[in-house]
Structures are given as structure tokens and as C-alpha cells.
Amino acid sequence: MAPTASAATADQLNQRLLRDGYFLLRGFLDRQAVQAAGDEVYRRLAAAGQLDPTSPAEAGINAGDRTRAFAPELARDNAALDQVIYGERMLGLSERIFGGQVRHFDYT
């Protein structure tokens, strides 16, 4: 994946989306906020018995015989995750790309 400059204009981001179907903004989100969100998801997976109990939860190692295709409870009422995916940085980027106010899905 080729990174995109975080100072790219909305037009440049839109062109990149049209051309490649994605853009990668390294360092765009706060590392500690992303870590906190991940830690909470891993905590929930561990509590549900989905992770290897002999490894630290943050390693995210599957319990082996457990598979899970869909787990909305990992995101529901998860303030740390909400801050990352619905916070000012992400919604501000979306508004910059789409040129106006945006709304997120109400699912989580």
C-alpha cells in the first residue's frame, strides 16, 4: 500500500480513492487512542473465551478452536473505539473528502 500525504487536498484524496480505491494516511490517528480501542476489543474477546488464555490478550491470538464471523458486541458501548472511528479526526477527514457534514452509521 502506498501512503498518501496527510496534507493532501480533498481533490487529491478523491483522485486517489477513484484511482486506487483507498488511501493510507500513516500517523493520522492518535496512536494511543487506537491502542486503547484495540485493547478494549481484545479484552472483550478474551472475556468471551475467544483468545488463547496462555498469551497476553493484546497479542490477539485465537483460542484455536474458536471462530467468530460477526461480533457486534465488540463495538457496542465501546467508548475507546467510538473515539477513534467517530471522533473529530475521522469525521473531519470525511467532511474534507465529501465537502460537507457527514453522519456515521448508527449501528455501533
PDB file of N, CA and C in Angstrom:
ATOM      1  N   MET A   1       0.848  -1.172   0.000  1.00  0.00           N
ATOM      2  CA  MET A   1       0.000   0.000   0.000  1.00  0.00           C
ATOM      3  C   MET A   1       0.896   1.239   0.000  1.00  0.00           C
ATOM      4  N   ALA A   2       0.577   2.127  -0.880  1.00  0.00           N
ATOM      5  CA  ALA A   2       1.343   3.370  -0.969  1.00  0.00           C
ATOM      6  C   ALA A   2       0.718   4.430  -0.078  1.00  0.00           C
ATOM      7  N   PRO A   3       1.519   5.053   0.797  1.00  0.00           N
ATOM      8  CA  PRO A   3       0.959   6.090   1.668  1.00  0.00           C
ATOM      9  C   PRO A   3       0.589   7.350   0.905  1.00  0.00           C
ATOM     10  N   THR A   4      -0.350   8.091   1.470  1.00  0.00           N
ATOM     11  CA  THR A   4      -0.790   9.374   0.943  1.00  0.00           C
ATOM     12  C   THR A   4      -0.386  10.443   1.952  1.00  0.00           C
ATOM     13  N   ALA A   5       0.052  11.582   1.473  1.00  0.00           N
ATOM     14  CA  ALA A   5       0.440  12.673   2.378  1.00  0.00           C
ATOM     15  C   ALA A   5      -0.785  13.154   3.142  1.00  0.00           C
ATOM     16  N   SER A   6      -0.630  13.329   4.462  1.00  0.00           N
ATOM     17  CA  SER A   6      -1.779  13.759   5.265  1.00  0.00           C
ATOM     18  C   SER A   6      -2.194  15.192   4.939  1.00  0.00           C
ATOM     19  N   ALA A   7      -1.306  15.950   4.288  1.00  0.00           N
ATOM     20  CA  ALA A   7      -1.639  17.319   3.897  1.00  0.00           C
ATOM     21  C   ALA A   7      -2.313  17.373   2.526  1.00  0.00           C
ATOM     22  N   ALA A   8      -2.635  16.217   1.952  1.00  0.00           N
ATOM     23  CA  ALA A   8      -3.272  16.177   0.640  1.00  0.00           C
ATOM     24  C   ALA A   8      -4.594  16.936   0.664  1.00  0.00           C
ATOM     25  N   THR A   9      -4.893  17.563  -0.438  1.00  0.00           N
ATOM     26  CA  THR A   9      -6.160  18.288  -0.551  1.00  0.00           C
ATOM     27  C   THR A   9      -7.305  17.299  -0.726  1.00  0.00           C
ATOM     28  N   ALA A  10      -8.503  17.791  -0.546  1.00  0.00           N
ATOM     29  CA  ALA A  10      -9.684  16.950  -0.749  1.00  0.00           C
ATOM     30  C   ALA A  10      -9.713  16.407  -2.173  1.00  0.00           C
ATOM     31  N   ASP A  11      -9.355  17.235  -3.151  1.00  0.00           N
ATOM     32  CA  ASP A  11      -9.319  16.769  -4.542  1.00  0.00           C
ATOM     33  C   ASP A  11      -8.303  15.653  -4.725  1.00  0.00           C
ATOM     34  N   GLN A  12      -7.135  15.795  -4.105  1.00  0.00           N
ATOM     35  CA  GLN A  12      -6.109  14.753  -4.220  1.00  0.00           C
ATOM     36  C   GLN A  12      -6.568  13.450  -3.564  1.00  0.00           C
ATOM     37  N   LEU A  13      -7.218  13.566  -2.413  1.00  0.00           N
ATOM     38  CA  LEU A  13      -7.726  12.368  -1.742  1.00  0.00           C
ATOM     39  C   LEU A  13      -8.802  11.688  -2.589  1.00  0.00           C
ATOM     40  N   ASN A  14      -9.700  12.486  -3.158  1.00  0.00           N
ATOM     41  CA  ASN A  14     -10.745  11.924  -4.018  1.00  0.00           C
ATOM     42  C   ASN A  14     -10.153  11.255  -5.249  1.00  0.00           C
ATOM     43  N   GLN A  15      -9.149  11.876  -5.855  1.00  0.00           N
ATOM     44  CA  GLN A  15      -8.492  11.269  -7.015  1.00  0.00           C
ATOM     45  C   GLN A  15      -7.846   9.943  -6.652  1.00  0.00           C
ATOM     46  N   ARG A  16      -7.219   9.915  -5.481  1.00  0.00           N
ATOM     47  CA  ARG A  16      -6.574   8.686  -5.027  1.00  0.00           C
ATOM     48  C   ARG A  16      -7.616   7.590  -4.796  1.00  0.00           C
ATOM     49  N   LEU A  17      -8.750   7.955  -4.199  1.00  0.00           N
ATOM     50  CA  LEU A  17      -9.820   6.981  -3.990  1.00  0.00           C
ATOM     51  C   LEU A  17     -10.337   6.428  -5.311  1.00  0.00           C
ATOM     52  N   LEU A  18     -10.527   7.317  -6.278  1.00  0.00           N
ATOM     53  CA  LEU A  18     -11.022   6.878  -7.583  1.00  0.00           C
ATOM     54  C   LEU A  18     -10.008   5.997  -8.300  1.00  0.00           C
ATOM     55  N   ARG A  19      -8.743   6.359  -8.202  1.00  0.00           N
ATOM     56  CA  ARG A  19      -7.701   5.623  -8.912  1.00  0.00           C
ATOM     57  C   ARG A  19      -7.390   4.284  -8.243  1.00  0.00           C
ATOM     58  N   ASP A  20      -7.189   4.299  -6.906  1.00  0.00           N
ATOM     59  CA  ASP A  20      -6.690   3.113  -6.211  1.00  0.00           C
ATOM     60  C   ASP A  20      -7.740   2.426  -5.333  1.00  0.00           C
ATOM     61  N   GLY A  21      -8.815   3.134  -5.027  1.00  0.00           N
ATOM     62  CA  GLY A  21      -9.831   2.564  -4.161  1.00  0.00           C
ATOM     63  C   GLY A  21      -9.534   2.713  -2.682  1.00  0.00           C
ATOM     64  N   TYR A  22      -8.456   3.381  -2.353  1.00  0.00           N
ATOM     65  CA  TYR A  22      -8.078   3.592  -0.957  1.00  0.00           C
ATOM     66  C   TYR A  22      -7.073   4.738  -0.875  1.00  0.00           C
ATOM     67  N   PHE A  23      -6.829   5.189   0.337  1.00  0.00           N
ATOM     68  CA  PHE A  23      -5.646   5.978   0.628  1.00  0.00           C
ATOM     69  C   PHE A  23      -5.191   5.632   2.030  1.00  0.00           C
ATOM     70  N   LEU A  24      -3.895   5.710   2.250  1.00  0.00           N
ATOM     71  CA  LEU A  24      -3.281   5.342   3.515  1.00  0.00           C
ATOM     72  C   LEU A  24      -2.640   6.586   4.110  1.00  0.00           C
ATOM     73  N   LEU A  25      -3.110   6.977   5.280  1.00  0.00           N
ATOM     74  CA  LEU A  25      -2.583   8.165   5.958  1.00  0.00           C
ATOM     75  C   LEU A  25      -1.861   7.716   7.228  1.00  0.00           C
ATOM     76  N   ARG A  26      -0.592   7.360   7.085  1.00  0.00           N
ATOM     77  CA  ARG A  26       0.192   6.909   8.243  1.00  0.00           C
ATOM     78  C   ARG A  26       0.265   8.016   9.289  1.00  0.00           C
ATOM     79  N   GLY A  27       0.037   7.636  10.546  1.00  0.00           N
ATOM     80  CA  GLY A  27       0.147   8.577  11.647  1.00  0.00           C
ATOM     81  C   GLY A  27      -1.013   9.552  11.760  1.00  0.00           C
ATOM     82  N   PHE A  28      -2.050   9.371  10.980  1.00  0.00           N
ATOM     83  CA  PHE A  28      -3.173  10.300  11.000  1.00  0.00           C
ATOM     84  C   PHE A  28      -3.947  10.223  12.309  1.00  0.00           C
ATOM     85  N   LEU A  29      -4.187   9.025  12.781  1.00  0.00           N
ATOM     86  CA  LEU A  29      -4.925   8.839  14.028  1.00  0.00           C
ATOM     87  C   LEU A  29      -3.955   8.785  15.211  1.00  0.00           C
ATOM     88  N   ASP A  30      -4.430   9.193  16.363  1.00  0.00           N
ATOM     89  CA  ASP A  30      -3.626   9.172  17.570  1.00  0.00           C
ATOM     90  C   ASP A  30      -3.308   7.725  17.960  1.00  0.00           C
ATOM     91  N   ARG A  31      -2.029   7.416  18.042  1.00  0.00           N
ATOM     92  CA  ARG A  31      -1.579   6.047  18.314  1.00  0.00           C
ATOM     93  C   ARG A  31      -2.130   5.518  19.644  1.00  0.00           C
ATOM     94  N   GLN A  32      -2.125   6.348  20.671  1.00  0.00           N
ATOM     95  CA  GLN A  32      -2.614   5.904  21.976  1.00  0.00           C
ATOM     96  C   GLN A  32      -4.118   5.633  21.961  1.00  0.00           C
ATOM     97  N   ALA A  33      -4.857   6.444  21.220  1.00  0.00           N
ATOM     98  CA  ALA A  33      -6.305   6.223  21.111  1.00  0.00           C
ATOM     99  C   ALA A  33      -6.598   4.918  20.380  1.00  0.00           C
ATOM    100  N   VAL A  34      -5.846   4.642  19.319  1.00  0.00           N
ATOM    101  CA  VAL A  34      -6.028   3.397  18.569  1.00  0.00           C
ATOM    102  C   VAL A  34      -5.652   2.207  19.448  1.00  0.00           C
ATOM    103  N   GLN A  35      -4.565   2.338  20.214  1.00  0.00           N
ATOM    104  CA  GLN A  35      -4.148   1.262  21.120  1.00  0.00           C
ATOM    105  C   GLN A  35      -5.225   0.993  22.173  1.00  0.00           C
ATOM    106  N   ALA A  36      -5.790   2.043  22.737  1.00  0.00           N
ATOM    107  CA  ALA A  36      -6.843   1.880  23.743  1.00  0.00           C
ATOM    108  C   ALA A  36      -8.060   1.170  23.155  1.00  0.00           C
ATOM    109  N   ALA A  37      -8.420   1.523  21.926  1.00  0.00           N
ATOM    110  CA  ALA A  37      -9.559   0.872  21.268  1.00  0.00           C
ATOM    111  C   ALA A  37      -9.267  -0.610  21.044  1.00  0.00           C
ATOM    112  N   GLY A  38      -8.072  -0.906  20.563  1.00  0.00           N
ATOM    113  CA  GLY A  38      -7.690  -2.298  20.348  1.00  0.00           C
ATOM    114  C   GLY A  38      -7.653  -3.090  21.642  1.00  0.00           C
ATOM    115  N   ASP A  39      -7.106  -2.483  22.688  1.00  0.00           N
ATOM    116  CA  ASP A  39      -7.041  -3.163  23.987  1.00  0.00           C
ATOM    117  C   ASP A  39      -8.435  -3.542  24.491  1.00  0.00           C
ATOM    118  N   GLU A  40      -9.389  -2.645  24.292  1.00  0.00           N
ATOM    119  CA  GLU A  40     -10.753  -2.933  24.747  1.00  0.00           C
ATOM    120  C   GLU A  40     -11.381  -4.063  23.933  1.00  0.00           C
ATOM    121  N   VAL A  41     -11.144  -4.077  22.632  1.00  0.00           N
ATOM    122  CA  VAL A  41     -11.660  -5.170  21.798  1.00  0.00           C
ATOM    123  C   VAL A  41     -11.028  -6.489  22.232  1.00  0.00           C
ATOM    124  N   TYR A  42      -9.715  -6.495  22.449  1.00  0.00           N
ATOM    125  CA  TYR A  42      -9.042  -7.720  22.905  1.00  0.00           C
ATOM    126  C   TYR A  42      -9.553  -8.157  24.277  1.00  0.00           C
ATOM    127  N   ARG A  43      -9.810  -7.200  25.171  1.00  0.00           N
ATOM    128  CA  ARG A  43     -10.341  -7.532  26.492  1.00  0.00           C
ATOM    129  C   ARG A  43     -11.683  -8.245  26.346  1.00  0.00           C
ATOM    130  N   ARG A  44     -12.517  -7.735  25.457  1.00  0.00           N
ATOM    131  CA  ARG A  44     -13.834  -8.339  25.245  1.00  0.00           C
ATOM    132  C   ARG A  44     -13.725  -9.725  24.615  1.00  0.00           C
ATOM    133  N   LEU A  45     -12.803  -9.872  23.669  1.00  0.00           N
ATOM    134  CA  LEU A  45     -12.595 -11.191  23.066  1.00  0.00           C
ATOM    135  C   LEU A  45     -12.099 -12.197  24.102  1.00  0.00           C
ATOM    136  N   ALA A  46     -11.170 -11.758  24.951  1.00  0.00           N
ATOM    137  CA  ALA A  46     -10.648 -12.644  25.997  1.00  0.00           C
ATOM    138  C   ALA A  46     -11.757 -13.042  26.964  1.00  0.00           C
ATOM    139  N   ALA A  47     -12.589 -12.094  27.352  1.00  0.00           N
ATOM    140  CA  ALA A  47     -13.687 -12.389  28.278  1.00  0.00           C
ATOM    141  C   ALA A  47     -14.678 -13.377  27.684  1.00  0.00           C
ATOM    142  N   ALA A  48     -14.791 -13.375  26.356  1.00  0.00           N
ATOM    143  CA  ALA A  48     -15.703 -14.297  25.677  1.00  0.00           C
ATOM    144  C   ALA A  48     -15.044 -15.646  25.382  1.00  0.00           C
ATOM    145  N   GLY A  49     -13.791 -15.814  25.831  1.00  0.00           N
ATOM    146  CA  GLY A  49     -13.089 -17.077  25.608  1.00  0.00           C
ATOM    147  C   GLY A  49     -12.584 -17.269  24.200  1.00  0.00           C
ATOM    148  N   GLN A  50     -12.485 -16.195  23.448  1.00  0.00           N
ATOM    149  CA  GLN A  50     -12.061 -16.285  22.054  1.00  0.00           C
ATOM    150  C   GLN A  50     -10.546 -16.241  21.865  1.00  0.00           C
ATOM    151  N   LEU A  51      -9.802 -15.835  22.900  1.00  0.00           N
ATOM    152  CA  LEU A  51      -8.349 -15.702  22.772  1.00  0.00           C
ATOM    153  C   LEU A  51      -7.626 -16.763  23.584  1.00  0.00           C
ATOM    154  N   ASP A  52      -6.426 -17.079  23.137  1.00  0.00           N
ATOM    155  CA  ASP A  52      -5.573 -18.051  23.815  1.00  0.00           C
ATOM    156  C   ASP A  52      -5.274 -17.565  25.230  1.00  0.00           C
ATOM    157  N   PRO A  53      -5.703 -18.301  26.253  1.00  0.00           N
ATOM    158  CA  PRO A  53      -5.501 -17.836  27.624  1.00  0.00           C
ATOM    159  C   PRO A  53      -4.048 -17.881  28.087  1.00  0.00           C
ATOM    160  N   THR A  54      -3.171 -18.555  27.340  1.00  0.00           N
ATOM    161  CA  THR A  54      -1.758 -18.612  27.725  1.00  0.00           C
ATOM    162  C   THR A  54      -0.955 -17.456  27.158  1.00  0.00           C
ATOM    163  N   SER A  55      -1.581 -16.614  26.360  1.00  0.00           N
ATOM    164  CA  SER A  55      -0.913 -15.454  25.762  1.00  0.00           C
ATOM    165  C   SER A  55      -1.577 -14.183  26.259  1.00  0.00           C
ATOM    166  N   PRO A  56      -0.844 -13.060  26.236  1.00  0.00           N
ATOM    167  CA  PRO A  56      -1.481 -11.797  26.618  1.00  0.00           C
ATOM    168  C   PRO A  56      -2.632 -11.470  25.664  1.00  0.00           C
ATOM    169  N   ALA A  57      -3.708 -10.934  26.195  1.00  0.00           N
ATOM    170  CA  ALA A  57      -4.879 -10.616  25.360  1.00  0.00           C
ATOM    171  C   ALA A  57      -4.495  -9.713  24.194  1.00  0.00           C
ATOM    172  N   GLU A  58      -3.609  -8.728  24.443  1.00  0.00           N
ATOM    173  CA  GLU A  58      -3.246  -7.776  23.381  1.00  0.00           C
ATOM    174  C   GLU A  58      -2.492  -8.426  22.222  1.00  0.00           C
ATOM    175  N   ALA A  59      -2.050  -9.679  22.391  1.00  0.00           N
ATOM    176  CA  ALA A  59      -1.434 -10.398  21.274  1.00  0.00           C
ATOM    177  C   ALA A  59      -2.495 -10.831  20.269  1.00  0.00           C
ATOM    178  N   GLY A  60      -3.740 -10.953  20.734  1.00  0.00           N
ATOM    179  CA  GLY A  60      -4.849 -11.274  19.839  1.00  0.00           C
ATOM    180  C   GLY A  60      -4.782 -12.672  19.243  1.00  0.00           C
ATOM    181  N   ILE A  61      -4.189 -13.609  19.952  1.00  0.00           N
ATOM    182  CA  ILE A  61      -4.045 -14.969  19.422  1.00  0.00           C
ATOM    183  C   ILE A  61      -5.328 -15.757  19.676  1.00  0.00           C
ATOM    184  N   ASN A  62      -5.866 -16.286  18.600  1.00  0.00           N
ATOM    185  CA  ASN A  62      -7.117 -17.036  18.656  1.00  0.00           C
ATOM    186  C   ASN A  62      -6.970 -18.241  19.573  1.00  0.00           C
ATOM    187  N   ALA A  63      -8.044 -18.608  20.236  1.00  0.00           N
ATOM    188  CA  ALA A  63      -8.043 -19.750  21.145  1.00  0.00           C
ATOM    189  C   ALA A  63      -7.896 -21.072  20.409  1.00  0.00           C
ATOM    190  N   GLY A  64      -7.832 -21.054  19.104  1.00  0.00           N
ATOM    191  CA  GLY A  64      -7.588 -22.263  18.325  1.00  0.00           C
ATOM    192  C   GLY A  64      -8.839 -22.846  17.722  1.00  0.00           C
ATOM    193  N   ASP A  65      -9.736 -23.304  18.553  1.00  0.00           N
ATOM    194  CA  ASP A  65     -10.943 -23.946  18.060  1.00  0.00           C
ATOM    195  C   ASP A  65     -12.104 -22.975  17.949  1.00  0.00           C
ATOM    196  N   ARG A  66     -11.824 -21.712  18.173  1.00  0.00           N
ATOM    197  CA  ARG A  66     -12.888 -20.712  18.172  1.00  0.00           C
ATOM    198  C   ARG A  66     -12.842 -19.897  16.877  1.00  0.00           C
ATOM    199  N   THR A  67     -13.978 -19.733  16.274  1.00  0.00           N
ATOM    200  CA  THR A  67     -14.105 -18.824  15.140  1.00  0.00           C
ATOM    201  C   THR A  67     -15.316 -17.950  15.384  1.00  0.00           C
ATOM    202  N   ARG A  68     -15.248 -16.773  14.860  1.00  0.00           N
ATOM    203  CA  ARG A  68     -16.343 -15.830  15.043  1.00  0.00           C
ATOM    204  C   ARG A  68     -16.412 -14.983  13.781  1.00  0.00           C
ATOM    205  N   ALA A  69     -17.510 -15.073  13.067  1.00  0.00           N
ATOM    206  CA  ALA A  69     -17.652 -14.330  11.826  1.00  0.00           C
ATOM    207  C   ALA A  69     -18.160 -12.912  12.060  1.00  0.00           C
ATOM    208  N   PHE A  70     -18.968 -12.733  13.071  1.00  0.00           N
ATOM    209  CA  PHE A  70     -19.586 -11.429  13.285  1.00  0.00           C
ATOM    210  C   PHE A  70     -19.782 -11.232  14.772  1.00  0.00           C
ATOM    211  N   ALA A  71     -19.305 -10.131  15.295  1.00  0.00           N
ATOM    212  CA  ALA A  71     -19.379  -9.907  16.736  1.00  0.00           C
ATOM    213  C   ALA A  71     -19.663  -8.434  17.034  1.00  0.00           C
ATOM    214  N   PRO A  72     -20.891  -7.992  16.833  1.00  0.00           N
ATOM    215  CA  PRO A  72     -21.198  -6.576  17.043  1.00  0.00           C
ATOM    216  C   PRO A  72     -20.985  -6.121  18.482  1.00  0.00           C
ATOM    217  N   GLU A  73     -21.014  -7.041  19.434  1.00  0.00           N
ATOM    218  CA  GLU A  73     -20.822  -6.652  20.824  1.00  0.00           C
ATOM    219  C   GLU A  73     -19.404  -6.137  21.100  1.00  0.00           C
ATOM    220  N   LEU A  74     -18.470  -6.406  20.212  1.00  0.00           N
ATOM    221  CA  LEU A  74     -17.112  -5.879  20.382  1.00  0.00           C
ATOM    222  C   LEU A  74     -17.086  -4.363  20.223  1.00  0.00           C
ATOM    223  N   ALA A  75     -17.983  -3.837  19.418  1.00  0.00           N
ATOM    224  CA  ALA A  75     -18.016  -2.393  19.155  1.00  0.00           C
ATOM    225  C   ALA A  75     -19.073  -1.663  19.978  1.00  0.00           C
ATOM    226  N   ARG A  76     -20.107  -2.354  20.364  1.00  0.00           N
ATOM    227  CA  ARG A  76     -21.224  -1.719  21.065  1.00  0.00           C
ATOM    228  C   ARG A  76     -20.783  -1.185  22.426  1.00  0.00           C
ATOM    229  N   ASP A  77     -21.158   0.053  22.726  1.00  0.00           N
ATOM    230  CA  ASP A  77     -20.818   0.692  24.003  1.00  0.00           C
ATOM    231  C   ASP A  77     -19.318   0.646  24.280  1.00  0.00           C
ATOM    232  N   ASN A  78     -18.526   0.860  23.250  1.00  0.00           N
ATOM    233  CA  ASN A  78     -17.066   0.833  23.361  1.00  0.00           C
ATOM    234  C   ASN A  78     -16.566   2.264  23.143  1.00  0.00           C
ATOM    235  N   ALA A  79     -16.457   3.017  24.227  1.00  0.00           N
ATOM    236  CA  ALA A  79     -16.107   4.439  24.142  1.00  0.00           C
ATOM    237  C   ALA A  79     -14.758   4.662  23.478  1.00  0.00           C
ATOM    238  N   ALA A  80     -13.789   3.790  23.756  1.00  0.00           N
ATOM    239  CA  ALA A  80     -12.459   3.955  23.160  1.00  0.00           C
ATOM    240  C   ALA A  80     -12.525   3.791  21.643  1.00  0.00           C
ATOM    241  N   LEU A  81     -13.274   2.817  21.179  1.00  0.00           N
ATOM    242  CA  LEU A  81     -13.431   2.605  19.739  1.00  0.00           C
ATOM    243  C   LEU A  81     -14.227   3.738  19.104  1.00  0.00           C
ATOM    244  N   ASP A  82     -15.295   4.162  19.771  1.00  0.00           N
ATOM    245  CA  ASP A  82     -16.094   5.280  19.265  1.00  0.00           C
ATOM    246  C   ASP A  82     -15.236   6.520  19.048  1.00  0.00           C
ATOM    247  N   GLN A  83     -14.315   6.783  19.976  1.00  0.00           N
ATOM    248  CA  GLN A  83     -13.459   7.966  19.857  1.00  0.00           C
ATOM    249  C   GLN A  83     -12.596   7.901  18.601  1.00  0.00           C
ATOM    250  N   VAL A  84     -12.139   6.708  18.251  1.00  0.00           N
ATOM    251  CA  VAL A  84     -11.298   6.565  17.059  1.00  0.00           C
ATOM    252  C   VAL A  84     -12.132   6.664  15.787  1.00  0.00           C
ATOM    253  N   ILE A  85     -13.193   5.890  15.709  1.00  0.00           N
ATOM    254  CA  ILE A  85     -13.911   5.824  14.430  1.00  0.00           C
ATOM    255  C   ILE A  85     -14.938   6.925  14.231  1.00  0.00           C
ATOM    256  N   TYR A  86     -15.415   7.523  15.316  1.00  0.00           N
ATOM    257  CA  TYR A  86     -16.405   8.590  15.202  1.00  0.00           C
ATOM    258  C   TYR A  86     -15.899   9.921  15.749  1.00  0.00           C
ATOM    259  N   GLY A  87     -14.636   9.984  16.110  1.00  0.00           N
ATOM    260  CA  GLY A  87     -14.070  11.199  16.685  1.00  0.00           C
ATOM    261  C   GLY A  87     -13.826  12.283  15.655  1.00  0.00           C
ATOM    262  N   GLU A  88     -13.368  13.399  16.140  1.00  0.00           N
ATOM    263  CA  GLU A  88     -13.163  14.591  15.314  1.00  0.00           C
ATOM    264  C   GLU A  88     -12.207  14.339  14.145  1.00  0.00           C
ATOM    265  N   ARG A  89     -11.127  13.577  14.378  1.00  0.00           N
ATOM    266  CA  ARG A  89     -10.160  13.341  13.297  1.00  0.00           C
ATOM    267  C   ARG A  89     -10.813  12.611  12.122  1.00  0.00           C
ATOM    268  N   MET A  90     -11.496  11.518  12.413  1.00  0.00           N
ATOM    269  CA  MET A  90     -12.064  10.709  11.338  1.00  0.00           C
ATOM    270  C   MET A  90     -13.238  11.407  10.659  1.00  0.00           C
ATOM    271  N   LEU A  91     -14.134  11.978  11.455  1.00  0.00           N
ATOM    272  CA  LEU A  91     -15.269  12.671  10.837  1.00  0.00           C
ATOM    273  C   LEU A  91     -14.809  13.927  10.103  1.00  0.00           C
ATOM    274  N   GLY A  92     -13.798  14.602  10.650  1.00  0.00           N
ATOM    275  CA  GLY A  92     -13.254  15.778   9.966  1.00  0.00           C
ATOM    276  C   GLY A  92     -12.655  15.414   8.615  1.00  0.00           C
ATOM    277  N   LEU A  93     -11.965  14.282   8.559  1.00  0.00           N
ATOM    278  CA  LEU A  93     -11.413  13.812   7.289  1.00  0.00           C
ATOM    279  C   LEU A  93     -12.535  13.510   6.306  1.00  0.00           C
ATOM    280  N   SER A  94     -13.573  12.844   6.784  1.00  0.00           N
ATOM    281  CA  SER A  94     -14.705  12.519   5.912  1.00  0.00           C
ATOM    282  C   SER A  94     -15.372  13.789   5.385  1.00  0.00           C
ATOM    283  N   GLU A  95     -15.523  14.781   6.239  1.00  0.00           N
ATOM    284  CA  GLU A  95     -16.118  16.046   5.804  1.00  0.00           C
ATOM    285  C   GLU A  95     -15.240  16.734   4.770  1.00  0.00           C
ATOM    286  N   ARG A  96     -13.926  16.637   4.955  1.00  0.00           N
ATOM    287  CA  ARG A  96     -12.986  17.216   3.992  1.00  0.00           C
ATOM    288  C   ARG A  96     -13.101  16.521   2.642  1.00  0.00           C
ATOM    289  N   ILE A  97     -13.212  15.222   2.647  1.00  0.00           N
ATOM    290  CA  ILE A  97     -13.291  14.452   1.403  1.00  0.00           C
ATOM    291  C   ILE A  97     -14.612  14.699   0.685  1.00  0.00           C
ATOM    292  N   PHE A  98     -15.704  14.669   1.439  1.00  0.00           N
ATOM    293  CA  PHE A  98     -17.025  14.749   0.820  1.00  0.00           C
ATOM    294  C   PHE A  98     -17.580  16.162   0.726  1.00  0.00           C
ATOM    295  N   GLY A  99     -16.857  17.124   1.294  1.00  0.00           N
ATOM    296  CA  GLY A  99     -17.230  18.517   1.133  1.00  0.00           C
ATOM    297  C   GLY A  99     -18.445  18.960   1.916  1.00  0.00           C
ATOM    298  N   GLY A 100     -18.691  18.356   3.049  1.00  0.00           N
ATOM    299  CA  GLY A 100     -19.838  18.765   3.860  1.00  0.00           C
ATOM    300  C   GLY A 100     -19.995  17.871   5.065  1.00  0.00           C
ATOM    301  N   GLN A 101     -21.052  18.141   5.809  1.00  0.00           N
ATOM    302  CA  GLN A 101     -21.311  17.378   7.024  1.00  0.00           C
ATOM    303  C   GLN A 101     -21.588  15.911   6.688  1.00  0.00           C
ATOM    304  N   VAL A 102     -21.041  15.019   7.501  1.00  0.00           N
ATOM    305  CA  VAL A 102     -21.258  13.586   7.308  1.00  0.00           C
ATOM    306  C   VAL A 102     -21.859  12.998   8.574  1.00  0.00           C
ATOM    307  N   ARG A 103     -22.451  11.835   8.415  1.00  0.00           N
ATOM    308  CA  ARG A 103     -23.017  11.084   9.537  1.00  0.00           C
ATOM    309  C   ARG A 103     -22.464   9.682   9.488  1.00  0.00           C
ATOM    310  N   HIS A 104     -22.258   9.100  10.634  1.00  0.00           N
ATOM    311  CA  HIS A 104     -21.814   7.715  10.654  1.00  0.00           C
ATOM    312  C   HIS A 104     -23.014   6.806  10.823  1.00  0.00           C
ATOM    313  N   PHE A 105     -22.789   5.544  10.557  1.00  0.00           N
ATOM    314  CA  PHE A 105     -23.857   4.565  10.776  1.00  0.00           C
ATOM    315  C   PHE A 105     -24.227   4.545  12.240  1.00  0.00           C
ATOM    316  N   ASP A 106     -25.457   4.315  12.537  1.00  0.00           N
ATOM    317  CA  ASP A 106     -25.916   4.236  13.904  1.00  0.00           C
ATOM    318  C   ASP A 106     -25.752   2.843  14.491  1.00  0.00           C
ATOM    319  N   TYR A 107     -25.161   1.942  13.754  1.00  0.00           N
ATOM    320  CA  TYR A 107     -25.111   0.546  14.146  1.00  0.00           C
ATOM    321  C   TYR A 107     -24.367   0.308  15.446  1.00  0.00           C
ATOM    322  N   THR A 108     -23.205   0.936  15.628  1.00  0.00           N
ATOM    323  CA  THR A 108     -22.416   0.648  16.815  1.00  0.00           C
ATOM    324  C   THR A 108     -22.921   1.493  17.961  1.00  0.00           C
TER     325      THR A 108
END
